[in-house]
Amino acid sequence: MENEDSFFEKVYKIVIQIPVGKVTTYGAIASCIGSKQSARMVGWALNKCSFYHTYVPAHRVVNRNGLLTGKRHFDNFETMKELLISENIIIENDQIIDFENYFWNPYKELF
């Protein structure tokens, strides 16, 4: 359990730094924390982020194609989309349009 908590903490510390109006991917976060094959585990961490001591903007994490695959983990299926739209991110059919323009690379930005 201790390793899981350590992993989750690393994920949260990165997600908290994603700027408003930007998104990153589960895989980019996993790579950034040195666990390249753990994109799904990043998703698990974000599913539990409501228990973290500070707000974690999990809506800013999408899959590698810009799809809102995590939307089902919010109270309402539209919450993730609504939050991203409120940050001026364009979404069509649960996919970010011009994804590369909104992508924030944590490794590049933090190191």
PDB file of N, CA and C in Angstrom:
ATOM      1  N   MET A   1       0.823  -1.197   0.000  1.00  0.00           N
ATOM      2  CA  MET A   1       0.000   0.000   0.000  1.00  0.00           C
ATOM      3  C   MET A   1       0.860   1.251   0.000  1.00  0.00           C
ATOM      4  N   GLU A   2       2.004   1.186   0.664  1.00  0.00           N
ATOM      5  CA  GLU A   2       2.871   2.356   0.742  1.00  0.00           C
ATOM      6  C   GLU A   2       3.356   2.779  -0.644  1.00  0.00           C
ATOM      7  N   ASN A   3       3.748   1.802  -1.501  1.00  0.00           N
ATOM      8  CA  ASN A   3       4.178   2.145  -2.856  1.00  0.00           C
ATOM      9  C   ASN A   3       3.044   2.765  -3.653  1.00  0.00           C
ATOM     10  N   GLU A   4       1.834   2.262  -3.471  1.00  0.00           N
ATOM     11  CA  GLU A   4       0.674   2.804  -4.175  1.00  0.00           C
ATOM     12  C   GLU A   4       0.458   4.259  -3.774  1.00  0.00           C
ATOM     13  N   ASP A   5       0.524   4.540  -2.487  1.00  0.00           N
ATOM     14  CA  ASP A   5       0.346   5.911  -2.011  1.00  0.00           C
ATOM     15  C   ASP A   5       1.442   6.810  -2.571  1.00  0.00           C
ATOM     16  N   SER A   6       2.658   6.333  -2.618  1.00  0.00           N
ATOM     17  CA  SER A   6       3.767   7.105  -3.159  1.00  0.00           C
ATOM     18  C   SER A   6       3.535   7.398  -4.642  1.00  0.00           C
ATOM     19  N   PHE A   7       3.088   6.411  -5.368  1.00  0.00           N
ATOM     20  CA  PHE A   7       2.786   6.584  -6.789  1.00  0.00           C
ATOM     21  C   PHE A   7       1.661   7.605  -6.966  1.00  0.00           C
ATOM     22  N   PHE A   8       0.590   7.444  -6.203  1.00  0.00           N
ATOM     23  CA  PHE A   8      -0.543   8.363  -6.292  1.00  0.00           C
ATOM     24  C   PHE A   8      -0.096   9.794  -6.005  1.00  0.00           C
ATOM     25  N   GLU A   9       0.695   9.966  -4.977  1.00  0.00           N
ATOM     26  CA  GLU A   9       1.195  11.295  -4.598  1.00  0.00           C
ATOM     27  C   GLU A   9       1.973  11.927  -5.755  1.00  0.00           C
ATOM     28  N   LYS A  10       2.805  11.149  -6.417  1.00  0.00           N
ATOM     29  CA  LYS A  10       3.567  11.657  -7.571  1.00  0.00           C
ATOM     30  C   LYS A  10       2.625  12.105  -8.686  1.00  0.00           C
ATOM     31  N   VAL A  11       1.604  11.315  -8.940  1.00  0.00           N
ATOM     32  CA  VAL A  11       0.619  11.658  -9.969  1.00  0.00           C
ATOM     33  C   VAL A  11      -0.062  12.974  -9.616  1.00  0.00           C
ATOM     34  N   TYR A  12      -0.533  13.092  -8.390  1.00  0.00           N
ATOM     35  CA  TYR A  12      -1.254  14.301  -7.973  1.00  0.00           C
ATOM     36  C   TYR A  12      -0.381  15.544  -8.072  1.00  0.00           C
ATOM     37  N   LYS A  13       0.871  15.416  -7.685  1.00  0.00           N
ATOM     38  CA  LYS A  13       1.774  16.573  -7.740  1.00  0.00           C
ATOM     39  C   LYS A  13       1.971  17.072  -9.167  1.00  0.00           C
ATOM     40  N   ILE A  14       1.929  16.183 -10.133  1.00  0.00           N
ATOM     41  CA  ILE A  14       2.034  16.594 -11.537  1.00  0.00           C
ATOM     42  C   ILE A  14       0.726  17.201 -12.013  1.00  0.00           C
ATOM     43  N   VAL A  15      -0.377  16.533 -11.749  1.00  0.00           N
ATOM     44  CA  VAL A  15      -1.677  16.993 -12.243  1.00  0.00           C
ATOM     45  C   VAL A  15      -2.012  18.380 -11.696  1.00  0.00           C
ATOM     46  N   ILE A  16      -1.654  18.636 -10.473  1.00  0.00           N
ATOM     47  CA  ILE A  16      -1.911  19.943  -9.862  1.00  0.00           C
ATOM     48  C   ILE A  16      -1.225  21.066 -10.642  1.00  0.00           C
ATOM     49  N   GLN A  17      -0.152  20.748 -11.334  1.00  0.00           N
ATOM     50  CA  GLN A  17       0.617  21.759 -12.062  1.00  0.00           C
ATOM     51  C   GLN A  17       0.163  21.987 -13.506  1.00  0.00           C
ATOM     52  N   ILE A  18      -0.787  21.206 -13.984  1.00  0.00           N
ATOM     53  CA  ILE A  18      -1.276  21.403 -15.352  1.00  0.00           C
ATOM     54  C   ILE A  18      -1.975  22.758 -15.403  1.00  0.00           C
ATOM     55  N   PRO A  19      -1.536  23.642 -16.295  1.00  0.00           N
ATOM     56  CA  PRO A  19      -2.151  24.968 -16.365  1.00  0.00           C
ATOM     57  C   PRO A  19      -3.596  24.920 -16.863  1.00  0.00           C
ATOM     58  N   VAL A  20      -4.361  25.893 -16.451  1.00  0.00           N
ATOM     59  CA  VAL A  20      -5.727  26.055 -16.956  1.00  0.00           C
ATOM     60  C   VAL A  20      -5.652  26.177 -18.476  1.00  0.00           C
ATOM     61  N   GLY A  21      -6.533  25.471 -19.172  1.00  0.00           N
ATOM     62  CA  GLY A  21      -6.563  25.529 -20.628  1.00  0.00           C
ATOM     63  C   GLY A  21      -5.603  24.569 -21.306  1.00  0.00           C
ATOM     64  N   LYS A  22      -4.978  23.700 -20.524  1.00  0.00           N
ATOM     65  CA  LYS A  22      -4.066  22.683 -21.059  1.00  0.00           C
ATOM     66  C   LYS A  22      -4.488  21.314 -20.551  1.00  0.00           C
ATOM     67  N   VAL A  23      -4.064  20.280 -21.254  1.00  0.00           N
ATOM     68  CA  VAL A  23      -4.326  18.899 -20.843  1.00  0.00           C
ATOM     69  C   VAL A  23      -3.055  18.090 -21.025  1.00  0.00           C
ATOM     70  N   THR A  24      -3.008  16.969 -20.356  1.00  0.00           N
ATOM     71  CA  THR A  24      -1.937  16.008 -20.574  1.00  0.00           C
ATOM     72  C   THR A  24      -2.557  14.620 -20.632  1.00  0.00           C
ATOM     73  N   THR A  25      -1.716  13.619 -20.784  1.00  0.00           N
ATOM     74  CA  THR A  25      -2.225  12.251 -20.921  1.00  0.00           C
ATOM     75  C   THR A  25      -1.779  11.378 -19.757  1.00  0.00           C
ATOM     76  N   TYR A  26      -2.496  10.270 -19.595  1.00  0.00           N
ATOM     77  CA  TYR A  26      -2.135   9.300 -18.569  1.00  0.00           C
ATOM     78  C   TYR A  26      -0.710   8.803 -18.807  1.00  0.00           C
ATOM     79  N   GLY A  27      -0.401   8.517 -20.065  1.00  0.00           N
ATOM     80  CA  GLY A  27       0.927   8.017 -20.406  1.00  0.00           C
ATOM     81  C   GLY A  27       2.028   9.030 -20.181  1.00  0.00           C
ATOM     82  N   ALA A  28       1.764  10.297 -20.469  1.00  0.00           N
ATOM     83  CA  ALA A  28       2.770  11.341 -20.257  1.00  0.00           C
ATOM     84  C   ALA A  28       3.088  11.476 -18.771  1.00  0.00           C
ATOM     85  N   ILE A  29       2.075  11.351 -17.943  1.00  0.00           N
ATOM     86  CA  ILE A  29       2.299  11.410 -16.494  1.00  0.00           C
ATOM     87  C   ILE A  29       3.097  10.193 -16.043  1.00  0.00           C
ATOM     88  N   ALA A  30       2.710   9.011 -16.517  1.00  0.00           N
ATOM     89  CA  ALA A  30       3.420   7.786 -16.150  1.00  0.00           C
ATOM     90  C   ALA A  30       4.891   7.866 -16.544  1.00  0.00           C
ATOM     91  N   SER A  31       5.160   8.341 -17.749  1.00  0.00           N
ATOM     92  CA  SER A  31       6.547   8.492 -18.202  1.00  0.00           C
ATOM     93  C   SER A  31       7.311   9.493 -17.343  1.00  0.00           C
ATOM     94  N   CYS A  32       6.661  10.568 -17.005  1.00  0.00           N
ATOM     95  CA  CYS A  32       7.290  11.622 -16.221  1.00  0.00           C
ATOM     96  C   CYS A  32       7.722  11.137 -14.840  1.00  0.00           C
ATOM     97  N   ILE A  33       6.959  10.237 -14.256  1.00  0.00           N
ATOM     98  CA  ILE A  33       7.327   9.753 -12.923  1.00  0.00           C
ATOM     99  C   ILE A  33       8.163   8.466 -12.989  1.00  0.00           C
ATOM    100  N   GLY A  34       8.624   8.130 -14.184  1.00  0.00           N
ATOM    101  CA  GLY A  34       9.529   6.999 -14.340  1.00  0.00           C
ATOM    102  C   GLY A  34       8.857   5.647 -14.346  1.00  0.00           C
ATOM    103  N   SER A  35       7.605   5.616 -14.725  1.00  0.00           N
ATOM    104  CA  SER A  35       6.849   4.370 -14.742  1.00  0.00           C
ATOM    105  C   SER A  35       6.056   4.281 -16.045  1.00  0.00           C
ATOM    106  N   LYS A  36       6.786   4.281 -17.148  1.00  0.00           N
ATOM    107  CA  LYS A  36       6.214   4.414 -18.485  1.00  0.00           C
ATOM    108  C   LYS A  36       5.048   3.470 -18.789  1.00  0.00           C
ATOM    109  N   GLN A  37       5.072   2.288 -18.241  1.00  0.00           N
ATOM    110  CA  GLN A  37       4.033   1.290 -18.538  1.00  0.00           C
ATOM    111  C   GLN A  37       2.833   1.381 -17.592  1.00  0.00           C
ATOM    112  N   SER A  38       2.731   2.458 -16.842  1.00  0.00           N
ATOM    113  CA  SER A  38       1.706   2.547 -15.801  1.00  0.00           C
ATOM    114  C   SER A  38       0.607   3.572 -16.067  1.00  0.00           C
ATOM    115  N   ALA A  39       0.266   3.786 -17.323  1.00  0.00           N
ATOM    116  CA  ALA A  39      -0.776   4.763 -17.653  1.00  0.00           C
ATOM    117  C   ALA A  39      -2.099   4.412 -16.976  1.00  0.00           C
ATOM    118  N   ARG A  40      -2.438   3.138 -16.933  1.00  0.00           N
ATOM    119  CA  ARG A  40      -3.697   2.737 -16.278  1.00  0.00           C
ATOM    120  C   ARG A  40      -3.674   3.022 -14.790  1.00  0.00           C
ATOM    121  N   MET A  41      -2.520   2.851 -14.194  1.00  0.00           N
ATOM    122  CA  MET A  41      -2.388   3.133 -12.763  1.00  0.00           C
ATOM    123  C   MET A  41      -2.575   4.636 -12.500  1.00  0.00           C
ATOM    124  N   VAL A  42      -2.146   5.468 -13.436  1.00  0.00           N
ATOM    125  CA  VAL A  42      -2.387   6.911 -13.324  1.00  0.00           C
ATOM    126  C   VAL A  42      -3.897   7.152 -13.288  1.00  0.00           C
ATOM    127  N   GLY A  43      -4.625   6.457 -14.141  1.00  0.00           N
ATOM    128  CA  GLY A  43      -6.079   6.566 -14.134  1.00  0.00           C
ATOM    129  C   GLY A  43      -6.683   6.155 -12.804  1.00  0.00           C
ATOM    130  N   TRP A  44      -6.161   5.076 -12.217  1.00  0.00           N
ATOM    131  CA  TRP A  44      -6.642   4.636 -10.905  1.00  0.00           C
ATOM    132  C   TRP A  44      -6.378   5.707  -9.856  1.00  0.00           C
ATOM    133  N   ALA A  45      -5.207   6.302  -9.917  1.00  0.00           N
ATOM    134  CA  ALA A  45      -4.865   7.359  -8.959  1.00  0.00           C
ATOM    135  C   ALA A  45      -5.853   8.515  -9.082  1.00  0.00           C
ATOM    136  N   LEU A  46      -6.137   8.914 -10.319  1.00  0.00           N
ATOM    137  CA  LEU A  46      -7.051  10.035 -10.526  1.00  0.00           C
ATOM    138  C   LEU A  46      -8.472   9.696 -10.084  1.00  0.00           C
ATOM    139  N   ASN A  47      -8.836   8.442 -10.186  1.00  0.00           N
ATOM    140  CA  ASN A  47     -10.149   8.010  -9.727  1.00  0.00           C
ATOM    141  C   ASN A  47     -10.291   8.173  -8.212  1.00  0.00           C
ATOM    142  N   LYS A  48      -9.172   8.201  -7.508  1.00  0.00           N
ATOM    143  CA  LYS A  48      -9.175   8.324  -6.050  1.00  0.00           C
ATOM    144  C   LYS A  48      -8.772   9.721  -5.573  1.00  0.00           C
ATOM    145  N   CYS A  49      -8.585  10.658  -6.482  1.00  0.00           N
ATOM    146  CA  CYS A  49      -8.022  11.961  -6.096  1.00  0.00           C
ATOM    147  C   CYS A  49      -8.942  12.810  -5.227  1.00  0.00           C
ATOM    148  N   SER A  50     -10.213  12.475  -5.151  1.00  0.00           N
ATOM    149  CA  SER A  50     -11.112  13.257  -4.301  1.00  0.00           C
ATOM    150  C   SER A  50     -10.745  13.124  -2.823  1.00  0.00           C
ATOM    151  N   PHE A  51      -9.945  12.120  -2.481  1.00  0.00           N
ATOM    152  CA  PHE A  51      -9.503  11.920  -1.099  1.00  0.00           C
ATOM    153  C   PHE A  51      -8.210  12.675  -0.796  1.00  0.00           C
ATOM    154  N   TYR A  52      -7.603  13.271  -1.798  1.00  0.00           N
ATOM    155  CA  TYR A  52      -6.349  14.000  -1.597  1.00  0.00           C
ATOM    156  C   TYR A  52      -6.633  15.297  -0.840  1.00  0.00           C
ATOM    157  N   HIS A  53      -5.632  15.805  -0.137  1.00  0.00           N
ATOM    158  CA  HIS A  53      -5.829  16.967   0.733  1.00  0.00           C
ATOM    159  C   HIS A  53      -6.036  18.291  -0.007  1.00  0.00           C
ATOM    160  N   THR A  54      -5.822  18.310  -1.303  1.00  0.00           N
ATOM    161  CA  THR A  54      -6.044  19.517  -2.089  1.00  0.00           C
ATOM    162  C   THR A  54      -6.702  19.145  -3.415  1.00  0.00           C
ATOM    163  N   TYR A  55      -7.255  20.117  -4.091  1.00  0.00           N
ATOM    164  CA  TYR A  55      -7.947  19.869  -5.356  1.00  0.00           C
ATOM    165  C   TYR A  55      -6.973  19.391  -6.432  1.00  0.00           C
ATOM    166  N   VAL A  56      -7.341  18.324  -7.103  1.00  0.00           N
ATOM    167  CA  VAL A  56      -6.565  17.765  -8.206  1.00  0.00           C
ATOM    168  C   VAL A  56      -7.433  17.888  -9.467  1.00  0.00           C
ATOM    169  N   PRO A  57      -7.012  18.693 -10.447  1.00  0.00           N
ATOM    170  CA  PRO A  57      -7.829  18.892 -11.653  1.00  0.00           C
ATOM    171  C   PRO A  57      -7.753  17.705 -12.620  1.00  0.00           C
ATOM    172  N   ALA A  58      -8.334  16.605 -12.206  1.00  0.00           N
ATOM    173  CA  ALA A  58      -8.281  15.355 -12.977  1.00  0.00           C
ATOM    174  C   ALA A  58      -8.926  15.494 -14.350  1.00  0.00           C
ATOM    175  N   HIS A  59      -9.794  16.468 -14.521  1.00  0.00           N
ATOM    176  CA  HIS A  59     -10.447  16.659 -15.820  1.00  0.00           C
ATOM    177  C   HIS A  59      -9.445  17.050 -16.903  1.00  0.00           C
ATOM    178  N   ARG A  60      -8.254  17.462 -16.523  1.00  0.00           N
ATOM    179  CA  ARG A  60      -7.220  17.872 -17.484  1.00  0.00           C
ATOM    180  C   ARG A  60      -6.350  16.709 -17.952  1.00  0.00           C
ATOM    181  N   VAL A  61      -6.730  15.500 -17.627  1.00  0.00           N
ATOM    182  CA  VAL A  61      -5.973  14.317 -18.057  1.00  0.00           C
ATOM    183  C   VAL A  61      -6.868  13.486 -18.963  1.00  0.00           C
ATOM    184  N   VAL A  62      -6.375  13.235 -20.172  1.00  0.00           N
ATOM    185  CA  VAL A  62      -7.129  12.517 -21.200  1.00  0.00           C
ATOM    186  C   VAL A  62      -6.269  11.387 -21.771  1.00  0.00           C
ATOM    187  N   ASN A  63      -6.837  10.620 -22.670  1.00  0.00           N
ATOM    188  CA  ASN A  63      -6.018   9.557 -23.251  1.00  0.00           C
ATOM    189  C   ASN A  63      -5.097  10.124 -24.349  1.00  0.00           C
ATOM    190  N   ARG A  64      -4.254   9.300 -24.896  1.00  0.00           N
ATOM    191  CA  ARG A  64      -3.218   9.753 -25.842  1.00  0.00           C
ATOM    192  C   ARG A  64      -3.768  10.336 -27.135  1.00  0.00           C
ATOM    193  N   ASN A  65      -5.047  10.100 -27.402  1.00  0.00           N
ATOM    194  CA  ASN A  65      -5.681  10.651 -28.601  1.00  0.00           C
ATOM    195  C   ASN A  65      -6.548  11.864 -28.304  1.00  0.00           C
ATOM    196  N   GLY A  66      -6.540  12.296 -27.052  1.00  0.00           N
ATOM    197  CA  GLY A  66      -7.359  13.439 -26.674  1.00  0.00           C
ATOM    198  C   GLY A  66      -8.801  13.099 -26.366  1.00  0.00           C
ATOM    199  N   LEU A  67      -9.085  11.834 -26.155  1.00  0.00           N
ATOM    200  CA  LEU A  67     -10.444  11.403 -25.812  1.00  0.00           C
ATOM    201  C   LEU A  67     -10.689  11.534 -24.308  1.00  0.00           C
ATOM    202  N   LEU A  68     -11.896  11.894 -23.951  1.00  0.00           N
ATOM    203  CA  LEU A  68     -12.272  12.061 -22.550  1.00  0.00           C
ATOM    204  C   LEU A  68     -12.672  10.714 -21.946  1.00  0.00           C
ATOM    205  N   THR A  69     -11.725   9.813 -21.870  1.00  0.00           N
ATOM    206  CA  THR A  69     -12.014   8.456 -21.403  1.00  0.00           C
ATOM    207  C   THR A  69     -12.288   8.390 -19.909  1.00  0.00           C
ATOM    208  N   GLY A  70     -11.881   9.384 -19.156  1.00  0.00           N
ATOM    209  CA  GLY A  70     -12.112   9.384 -17.716  1.00  0.00           C
ATOM    210  C   GLY A  70     -13.439   9.972 -17.289  1.00  0.00           C
ATOM    211  N   LYS A  71     -14.247  10.382 -18.229  1.00  0.00           N
ATOM    212  CA  LYS A  71     -15.491  11.087 -17.900  1.00  0.00           C
ATOM    213  C   LYS A  71     -16.447  10.278 -17.038  1.00  0.00           C
ATOM    214  N   ARG A  72     -16.398   8.971 -17.143  1.00  0.00           N
ATOM    215  CA  ARG A  72     -17.331   8.140 -16.381  1.00  0.00           C
ATOM    216  C   ARG A  72     -17.012   8.122 -14.884  1.00  0.00           C
ATOM    217  N   HIS A  73     -15.859   8.634 -14.511  1.00  0.00           N
ATOM    218  CA  HIS A  73     -15.468   8.651 -13.105  1.00  0.00           C
ATOM    219  C   HIS A  73     -15.876   9.939 -12.387  1.00  0.00           C
ATOM    220  N   PHE A  74     -16.522  10.825 -13.091  1.00  0.00           N
ATOM    221  CA  PHE A  74     -17.043  12.045 -12.482  1.00  0.00           C
ATOM    222  C   PHE A  74     -18.496  11.801 -12.094  1.00  0.00           C
ATOM    223  N   ASP A  75     -19.021  12.632 -11.213  1.00  0.00           N
ATOM    224  CA  ASP A  75     -20.402  12.461 -10.747  1.00  0.00           C
ATOM    225  C   ASP A  75     -21.400  12.458 -11.894  1.00  0.00           C
ATOM    226  N   ASN A  76     -21.116  13.248 -12.904  1.00  0.00           N
ATOM    227  CA  ASN A  76     -21.984  13.381 -14.070  1.00  0.00           C
ATOM    228  C   ASN A  76     -21.105  13.151 -15.304  1.00  0.00           C
ATOM    229  N   PHE A  77     -21.561  12.410 -16.277  1.00  0.00           N
ATOM    230  CA  PHE A  77     -20.768  12.129 -17.478  1.00  0.00           C
ATOM    231  C   PHE A  77     -20.358  13.391 -18.235  1.00  0.00           C
ATOM    232  N   GLU A  78     -21.059  14.478 -18.039  1.00  0.00           N
ATOM    233  CA  GLU A  78     -20.755  15.728 -18.754  1.00  0.00           C
ATOM    234  C   GLU A  78     -19.789  16.638 -17.990  1.00  0.00           C
ATOM    235  N   THR A  79     -19.501  16.336 -16.740  1.00  0.00           N
ATOM    236  CA  THR A  79     -18.681  17.219 -15.908  1.00  0.00           C
ATOM    237  C   THR A  79     -17.308  17.471 -16.507  1.00  0.00           C
ATOM    238  N   MET A  80     -16.626  16.436 -16.916  1.00  0.00           N
ATOM    239  CA  MET A  80     -15.280  16.583 -17.474  1.00  0.00           C
ATOM    240  C   MET A  80     -15.314  17.506 -18.692  1.00  0.00           C
ATOM    241  N   LYS A  81     -16.237  17.237 -19.584  1.00  0.00           N
ATOM    242  CA  LYS A  81     -16.385  18.042 -20.794  1.00  0.00           C
ATOM    243  C   LYS A  81     -16.701  19.498 -20.444  1.00  0.00           C
ATOM    244  N   GLU A  82     -17.624  19.704 -19.540  1.00  0.00           N
ATOM    245  CA  GLU A  82     -18.009  21.063 -19.146  1.00  0.00           C
ATOM    246  C   GLU A  82     -16.839  21.831 -18.536  1.00  0.00           C
ATOM    247  N   LEU A  83     -16.057  21.169 -17.710  1.00  0.00           N
ATOM    248  CA  LEU A  83     -14.899  21.829 -17.094  1.00  0.00           C
ATOM    249  C   LEU A  83     -13.868  22.225 -18.154  1.00  0.00           C
ATOM    250  N   LEU A  84     -13.620  21.335 -19.101  1.00  0.00           N
ATOM    251  CA  LEU A  84     -12.654  21.647 -20.160  1.00  0.00           C
ATOM    252  C   LEU A  84     -13.162  22.772 -21.058  1.00  0.00           C
ATOM    253  N   ILE A  85     -14.423  22.738 -21.392  1.00  0.00           N
ATOM    254  CA  ILE A  85     -14.997  23.813 -22.211  1.00  0.00           C
ATOM    255  C   ILE A  85     -14.905  25.146 -21.474  1.00  0.00           C
ATOM    256  N   SER A  86     -15.103  25.125 -20.158  1.00  0.00           N
ATOM    257  CA  SER A  86     -15.002  26.361 -19.376  1.00  0.00           C
ATOM    258  C   SER A  86     -13.581  26.923 -19.393  1.00  0.00           C
ATOM    259  N   GLU A  87     -12.604  26.079 -19.758  1.00  0.00           N
ATOM    260  CA  GLU A  87     -11.210  26.508 -19.874  1.00  0.00           C
ATOM    261  C   GLU A  87     -10.839  26.788 -21.333  1.00  0.00           C
ATOM    262  N   ASN A  88     -11.857  26.940 -22.172  1.00  0.00           N
ATOM    263  CA  ASN A  88     -11.698  27.279 -23.593  1.00  0.00           C
ATOM    264  C   ASN A  88     -11.051  26.177 -24.427  1.00  0.00           C
ATOM    265  N   ILE A  89     -11.247  24.949 -24.027  1.00  0.00           N
ATOM    266  CA  ILE A  89     -10.784  23.798 -24.804  1.00  0.00           C
ATOM    267  C   ILE A  89     -11.956  23.334 -25.661  1.00  0.00           C
ATOM    268  N   ILE A  90     -11.699  23.162 -26.937  1.00  0.00           N
ATOM    269  CA  ILE A  90     -12.751  22.790 -27.884  1.00  0.00           C
ATOM    270  C   ILE A  90     -12.882  21.267 -27.930  1.00  0.00           C
ATOM    271  N   ILE A  91     -14.122  20.806 -27.733  1.00  0.00           N
ATOM    272  CA  ILE A  91     -14.397  19.371 -27.684  1.00  0.00           C
ATOM    273  C   ILE A  91     -15.558  19.039 -28.604  1.00  0.00           C
ATOM    274  N   GLU A  92     -15.379  17.953 -29.336  1.00  0.00           N
ATOM    275  CA  GLU A  92     -16.432  17.449 -30.213  1.00  0.00           C
ATOM    276  C   GLU A  92     -16.485  15.934 -30.057  1.00  0.00           C
ATOM    277  N   ASN A  93     -17.665  15.395 -29.792  1.00  0.00           N
ATOM    278  CA  ASN A  93     -17.830  13.949 -29.618  1.00  0.00           C
ATOM    279  C   ASN A  93     -16.844  13.370 -28.602  1.00  0.00           C
ATOM    280  N   ASP A  94     -16.707  14.044 -27.476  1.00  0.00           N
ATOM    281  CA  ASP A  94     -15.817  13.625 -26.378  1.00  0.00           C
ATOM    282  C   ASP A  94     -14.349  13.550 -26.776  1.00  0.00           C
ATOM    283  N   GLN A  95     -13.960  14.322 -27.778  1.00  0.00           N
ATOM    284  CA  GLN A  95     -12.557  14.376 -28.189  1.00  0.00           C
ATOM    285  C   GLN A  95     -12.127  15.831 -28.312  1.00  0.00           C
ATOM    286  N   ILE A  96     -10.925  16.109 -27.843  1.00  0.00           N
ATOM    287  CA  ILE A  96     -10.380  17.458 -27.931  1.00  0.00           C
ATOM    288  C   ILE A  96      -9.963  17.737 -29.373  1.00  0.00           C
ATOM    289  N   ILE A  97     -10.470  18.832 -29.908  1.00  0.00           N
ATOM    290  CA  ILE A  97     -10.114  19.262 -31.264  1.00  0.00           C
ATOM    291  C   ILE A  97      -8.777  19.993 -31.187  1.00  0.00           C
ATOM    292  N   ASP A  98      -7.889  19.722 -32.138  1.00  0.00           N
ATOM    293  CA  ASP A  98      -6.531  20.297 -32.131  1.00  0.00           C
ATOM    294  C   ASP A  98      -5.801  19.954 -30.833  1.00  0.00           C
ATOM    295  N   PHE A  99      -5.883  18.703 -30.464  1.00  0.00           N
ATOM    296  CA  PHE A  99      -5.298  18.201 -29.216  1.00  0.00           C
ATOM    297  C   PHE A  99      -3.865  18.678 -29.008  1.00  0.00           C
ATOM    298  N   GLU A 100      -3.063  18.647 -30.065  1.00  0.00           N
ATOM    299  CA  GLU A 100      -1.647  19.026 -29.928  1.00  0.00           C
ATOM    300  C   GLU A 100      -1.470  20.476 -29.470  1.00  0.00           C
ATOM    301  N   ASN A 101      -2.442  21.331 -29.729  1.00  0.00           N
ATOM    302  CA  ASN A 101      -2.361  22.725 -29.287  1.00  0.00           C
ATOM    303  C   ASN A 101      -2.638  22.890 -27.796  1.00  0.00           C
ATOM    304  N   TYR A 102      -3.308  21.923 -27.213  1.00  0.00           N
ATOM    305  CA  TYR A 102      -3.654  21.987 -25.790  1.00  0.00           C
ATOM    306  C   TYR A 102      -2.759  21.096 -24.924  1.00  0.00           C
ATOM    307  N   PHE A 103      -1.974  20.251 -25.584  1.00  0.00           N
ATOM    308  CA  PHE A 103      -1.171  19.266 -24.850  1.00  0.00           C
ATOM    309  C   PHE A 103      -0.073  19.927 -24.036  1.00  0.00           C
ATOM    310  N   TRP A 104       0.025  19.541 -22.782  1.00  0.00           N
ATOM    311  CA  TRP A 104       1.054  20.004 -21.849  1.00  0.00           C
ATOM    312  C   TRP A 104       1.904  18.799 -21.489  1.00  0.00           C
ATOM    313  N   ASN A 105       3.180  18.857 -21.832  1.00  0.00           N
ATOM    314  CA  ASN A 105       4.091  17.742 -21.585  1.00  0.00           C
ATOM    315  C   ASN A 105       4.751  17.937 -20.223  1.00  0.00           C
ATOM    316  N   PRO A 106       4.373  17.150 -19.224  1.00  0.00           N
ATOM    317  CA  PRO A 106       4.917  17.366 -17.883  1.00  0.00           C
ATOM    318  C   PRO A 106       6.426  17.207 -17.814  1.00  0.00           C
ATOM    319  N   TYR A 107       6.964  16.252 -18.544  1.00  0.00           N
ATOM    320  CA  TYR A 107       8.420  16.059 -18.485  1.00  0.00           C
ATOM    321  C   TYR A 107       9.144  17.287 -19.014  1.00  0.00           C
ATOM    322  N   LYS A 108       8.684  17.803 -20.131  1.00  0.00           N
ATOM    323  CA  LYS A 108       9.307  18.987 -20.739  1.00  0.00           C
ATOM    324  C   LYS A 108       9.118  20.222 -19.863  1.00  0.00           C
ATOM    325  N   GLU A 109       7.954  20.381 -19.272  1.00  0.00           N
ATOM    326  CA  GLU A 109       7.636  21.570 -18.495  1.00  0.00           C
ATOM    327  C   GLU A 109       8.207  21.566 -17.089  1.00  0.00           C
ATOM    328  N   LEU A 110       8.403  20.387 -16.515  1.00  0.00           N
ATOM    329  CA  LEU A 110       8.837  20.292 -15.120  1.00  0.00           C
ATOM    330  C   LEU A 110      10.320  19.981 -14.936  1.00  0.00           C
ATOM    331  N   PHE A 111      10.961  19.515 -16.017  1.00  0.00           N
ATOM    332  CA  PHE A 111      12.390  19.135 -15.859  1.00  0.00           C
ATOM    333  C   PHE A 111      13.263  19.793 -16.891  1.00  0.00           C
TER     334      PHE A 111
END
